[in-house]
Amino acid sequence: MAENETADGEPRALISFDDFMKVDIRVGTIVEATDFPEARKPAFKLMIDFGPEIGVKKSSAQITANYSVEDLIGRQVCAVVNFPPRQIGPLMSQVLTLGMPDSDGEVMLISPSKKVPNGGRLY
């Protein structure tokens, strides 16, 4: 069962628009990507530039099935920037990089279809 589904696979309960507005989802550009062998599951360490207002933030992403380090540099991604930092092995992850499952359940990153300014907020 995915975290965003109930036990029977149905979407979770409805939330208010105000609840949605509390989640700060921004676009940033991956400026550095490295292997993360200390993670429990295969992952990469990412440094993502969210522009001058937010800066460069660290993230861990379990995306090794569909991406290589070389694929990631310069790629824009969407991430939640207002969750508290989370310790993942030796890395303090500062943002949650967003993705959706492919047909095999592996993560595909969420990205804008054209380049946009770093730090832009989802609406």
C-alpha atoms as a PDB file:
ATOM      1  CA  MET A   1       0.000   0.000   0.000  1.00  0.00           C
ATOM      2  CA  ALA A   2       1.358   3.422  -0.952  1.00  0.00           C
ATOM      3  CA  GLU A   3       1.513   6.120   1.726  1.00  0.00           C
ATOM      4  CA  ASN A   4      -1.005   8.227  -0.192  1.00  0.00           C
ATOM      5  CA  GLU A   5      -3.679   5.501  -0.341  1.00  0.00           C
ATOM      6  CA  THR A   6      -6.032   3.848   2.090  1.00  0.00           C
ATOM      7  CA  ALA A   7      -5.911   0.084   2.666  1.00  0.00           C
ATOM      8  CA  ASP A   8      -8.259  -0.528  -0.281  1.00  0.00           C
ATOM      9  CA  GLY A   9      -6.248   1.702  -2.681  1.00  0.00           C
ATOM     10  CA  GLU A  10      -8.728   4.565  -2.608  1.00  0.00           C
ATOM     11  CA  PRO A  11      -7.481   8.176  -2.339  1.00  0.00           C
ATOM     12  CA  ARG A  12      -7.184   9.606   1.162  1.00  0.00           C
ATOM     13  CA  ALA A  13      -9.832  11.766   2.805  1.00  0.00           C
ATOM     14  CA  LEU A  14     -10.630  15.198   1.398  1.00  0.00           C
ATOM     15  CA  ILE A  15      -8.710  18.169   2.774  1.00  0.00           C
ATOM     16  CA  SER A  16      -9.496  21.858   2.658  1.00  0.00           C
ATOM     17  CA  PHE A  17      -7.844  24.283   0.252  1.00  0.00           C
ATOM     18  CA  ASP A  18      -6.264  25.955   3.297  1.00  0.00           C
ATOM     19  CA  ASP A  19      -4.641  22.608   4.207  1.00  0.00           C
ATOM     20  CA  PHE A  20      -3.216  22.336   0.679  1.00  0.00           C
ATOM     21  CA  MET A  21      -1.862  25.905   0.844  1.00  0.00           C
ATOM     22  CA  LYS A  22       0.201  24.956   3.914  1.00  0.00           C
ATOM     23  CA  VAL A  23       2.346  22.662   1.750  1.00  0.00           C
ATOM     24  CA  ASP A  24       5.053  24.749   0.051  1.00  0.00           C
ATOM     25  CA  ILE A  25       5.996  22.978  -3.195  1.00  0.00           C
ATOM     26  CA  ARG A  26       8.749  24.710  -5.182  1.00  0.00           C
ATOM     27  CA  VAL A  27      10.800  24.019  -8.278  1.00  0.00           C
ATOM     28  CA  GLY A  28      14.570  23.786  -8.137  1.00  0.00           C
ATOM     29  CA  THR A  29      17.504  22.658 -10.274  1.00  0.00           C
ATOM     30  CA  ILE A  30      19.685  19.736  -9.230  1.00  0.00           C
ATOM     31  CA  VAL A  31      23.227  21.123  -9.079  1.00  0.00           C
ATOM     32  CA  GLU A  32      24.889  18.061  -7.545  1.00  0.00           C
ATOM     33  CA  ALA A  33      23.975  14.369  -7.381  1.00  0.00           C
ATOM     34  CA  THR A  34      26.033  11.616  -5.765  1.00  0.00           C
ATOM     35  CA  ASP A  35      25.546   7.995  -4.788  1.00  0.00           C
ATOM     36  CA  PHE A  36      24.266   7.472  -1.247  1.00  0.00           C
ATOM     37  CA  PRO A  37      25.587   4.035  -0.239  1.00  0.00           C
ATOM     38  CA  GLU A  38      24.752   4.601   3.457  1.00  0.00           C
ATOM     39  CA  ALA A  39      20.997   4.684   2.724  1.00  0.00           C
ATOM     40  CA  ARG A  40      18.974   1.554   3.568  1.00  0.00           C
ATOM     41  CA  LYS A  41      17.523   1.444   0.038  1.00  0.00           C
ATOM     42  CA  PRO A  42      19.428   2.536  -3.103  1.00  0.00           C
ATOM     43  CA  ALA A  43      19.349   6.335  -3.275  1.00  0.00           C
ATOM     44  CA  PHE A  44      21.132   9.467  -4.412  1.00  0.00           C
ATOM     45  CA  LYS A  45      22.105  12.547  -2.403  1.00  0.00           C
ATOM     46  CA  LEU A  46      20.878  15.641  -4.214  1.00  0.00           C
ATOM     47  CA  MET A  47      21.769  19.307  -3.859  1.00  0.00           C
ATOM     48  CA  ILE A  48      18.905  21.348  -5.304  1.00  0.00           C
ATOM     49  CA  ASP A  49      19.053  25.097  -6.025  1.00  0.00           C
ATOM     50  CA  PHE A  50      15.728  26.785  -5.219  1.00  0.00           C
ATOM     51  CA  GLY A  51      16.927  30.287  -6.081  1.00  0.00           C
ATOM     52  CA  PRO A  52      18.053  33.190  -3.888  1.00  0.00           C
ATOM     53  CA  GLU A  53      15.065  33.202  -1.519  1.00  0.00           C
ATOM     54  CA  ILE A  54      15.443  29.550  -0.391  1.00  0.00           C
ATOM     55  CA  GLY A  55      18.961  28.645  -1.546  1.00  0.00           C
ATOM     56  CA  VAL A  56      20.514  25.227  -2.117  1.00  0.00           C
ATOM     57  CA  LYS A  57      18.980  22.396  -0.090  1.00  0.00           C
ATOM     58  CA  LYS A  58      19.899  18.716   0.456  1.00  0.00           C
ATOM     59  CA  SER A  59      17.631  15.784  -0.293  1.00  0.00           C
ATOM     60  CA  SER A  60      17.814  12.007  -0.444  1.00  0.00           C
ATOM     61  CA  ALA A  61      15.906  10.381  -3.292  1.00  0.00           C
ATOM     62  CA  GLN A  62      15.270   6.697  -4.009  1.00  0.00           C
ATOM     63  CA  ILE A  63      15.349   7.174  -7.781  1.00  0.00           C
ATOM     64  CA  THR A  64      18.226   4.903  -8.828  1.00  0.00           C
ATOM     65  CA  ALA A  65      15.996   2.597 -10.926  1.00  0.00           C
ATOM     66  CA  ASN A  66      15.116   5.315 -13.449  1.00  0.00           C
ATOM     67  CA  TYR A  67      17.962   7.836 -13.204  1.00  0.00           C
ATOM     68  CA  SER A  68      21.737   8.024 -13.131  1.00  0.00           C
ATOM     69  CA  VAL A  69      23.804  10.760 -11.495  1.00  0.00           C
ATOM     70  CA  GLU A  70      24.557  12.129 -14.976  1.00  0.00           C
ATOM     71  CA  ASP A  71      20.805  12.302 -15.825  1.00  0.00           C
ATOM     72  CA  LEU A  72      20.104  14.438 -12.784  1.00  0.00           C
ATOM     73  CA  ILE A  73      22.540  17.354 -13.017  1.00  0.00           C
ATOM     74  CA  GLY A  74      20.716  20.393 -14.417  1.00  0.00           C
ATOM     75  CA  ARG A  75      17.279  18.742 -14.172  1.00  0.00           C
ATOM     76  CA  GLN A  76      14.494  20.738 -12.577  1.00  0.00           C
ATOM     77  CA  VAL A  77      12.402  18.979  -9.932  1.00  0.00           C
ATOM     78  CA  CYS A  78       9.562  19.778  -7.584  1.00  0.00           C
ATOM     79  CA  ALA A  79       9.969  19.435  -3.820  1.00  0.00           C
ATOM     80  CA  VAL A  80       8.228  20.242  -0.553  1.00  0.00           C
ATOM     81  CA  VAL A  81      10.423  22.869   1.097  1.00  0.00           C
ATOM     82  CA  ASN A  82       8.569  23.434   4.377  1.00  0.00           C
ATOM     83  CA  PHE A  83       8.733  20.026   6.087  1.00  0.00           C
ATOM     84  CA  PRO A  84      11.095  19.797   9.055  1.00  0.00           C
ATOM     85  CA  PRO A  85      14.530  18.342   8.175  1.00  0.00           C
ATOM     86  CA  ARG A  86      14.702  14.545   8.394  1.00  0.00           C
ATOM     87  CA  GLN A  87      17.738  12.457   9.256  1.00  0.00           C
ATOM     88  CA  ILE A  88      18.369   9.775   6.617  1.00  0.00           C
ATOM     89  CA  GLY A  89      21.471   7.862   7.593  1.00  0.00           C
ATOM     90  CA  PRO A  90      24.296  10.412   7.809  1.00  0.00           C
ATOM     91  CA  LEU A  91      22.366  12.971   5.688  1.00  0.00           C
ATOM     92  CA  MET A  92      20.012  15.610   7.063  1.00  0.00           C
ATOM     93  CA  SER A  93      17.451  15.852   4.247  1.00  0.00           C
ATOM     94  CA  GLN A  94      16.051  19.390   4.062  1.00  0.00           C
ATOM     95  CA  VAL A  95      13.398  18.970   1.349  1.00  0.00           C
ATOM     96  CA  LEU A  96      11.162  16.167   0.053  1.00  0.00           C
ATOM     97  CA  THR A  97      11.780  15.640  -3.653  1.00  0.00           C
ATOM     98  CA  LEU A  98       8.514  14.624  -5.326  1.00  0.00           C
ATOM     99  CA  GLY A  99       7.813  11.799  -7.723  1.00  0.00           C
ATOM    100  CA  MET A 100       5.158   9.396  -8.950  1.00  0.00           C
ATOM    101  CA  PRO A 101       5.389   5.629  -9.430  1.00  0.00           C
ATOM    102  CA  ASP A 102       5.954   4.201 -12.888  1.00  0.00           C
ATOM    103  CA  SER A 103       4.305   0.929 -13.964  1.00  0.00           C
ATOM    104  CA  ASP A 104       6.885  -0.997 -11.883  1.00  0.00           C
ATOM    105  CA  GLY A 105       6.374   1.149  -8.782  1.00  0.00           C
ATOM    106  CA  GLU A 106       9.711   2.948  -9.244  1.00  0.00           C
ATOM    107  CA  VAL A 107       9.899   6.713  -8.730  1.00  0.00           C
ATOM    108  CA  MET A 108       9.679   9.122 -11.671  1.00  0.00           C
ATOM    109  CA  LEU A 109      10.507  12.704 -10.692  1.00  0.00           C
ATOM    110  CA  ILE A 110       7.946  15.468 -11.034  1.00  0.00           C
ATOM    111  CA  SER A 111       9.351  18.245 -13.233  1.00  0.00           C
ATOM    112  CA  PRO A 112       7.982  21.206 -15.183  1.00  0.00           C
ATOM    113  CA  SER A 113       7.653  20.537 -18.919  1.00  0.00           C
ATOM    114  CA  LYS A 114       9.725  23.668 -19.695  1.00  0.00           C
ATOM    115  CA  LYS A 115      12.468  25.421 -17.728  1.00  0.00           C
ATOM    116  CA  VAL A 116      11.046  27.841 -15.151  1.00  0.00           C
ATOM    117  CA  PRO A 117      12.722  30.131 -12.592  1.00  0.00           C
ATOM    118  CA  ASN A 118      14.091  28.300  -9.543  1.00  0.00           C
ATOM    119  CA  GLY A 119      11.982  28.841  -6.441  1.00  0.00           C
ATOM    120  CA  GLY A 120       8.666  29.093  -8.282  1.00  0.00           C
ATOM    121  CA  ARG A 121       5.771  27.874  -6.147  1.00  0.00           C
ATOM    122  CA  LEU A 122       3.242  25.287  -7.314  1.00  0.00           C
ATOM    123  CA  TYR A 123      -0.279  26.601  -7.693  1.00  0.00           C
END
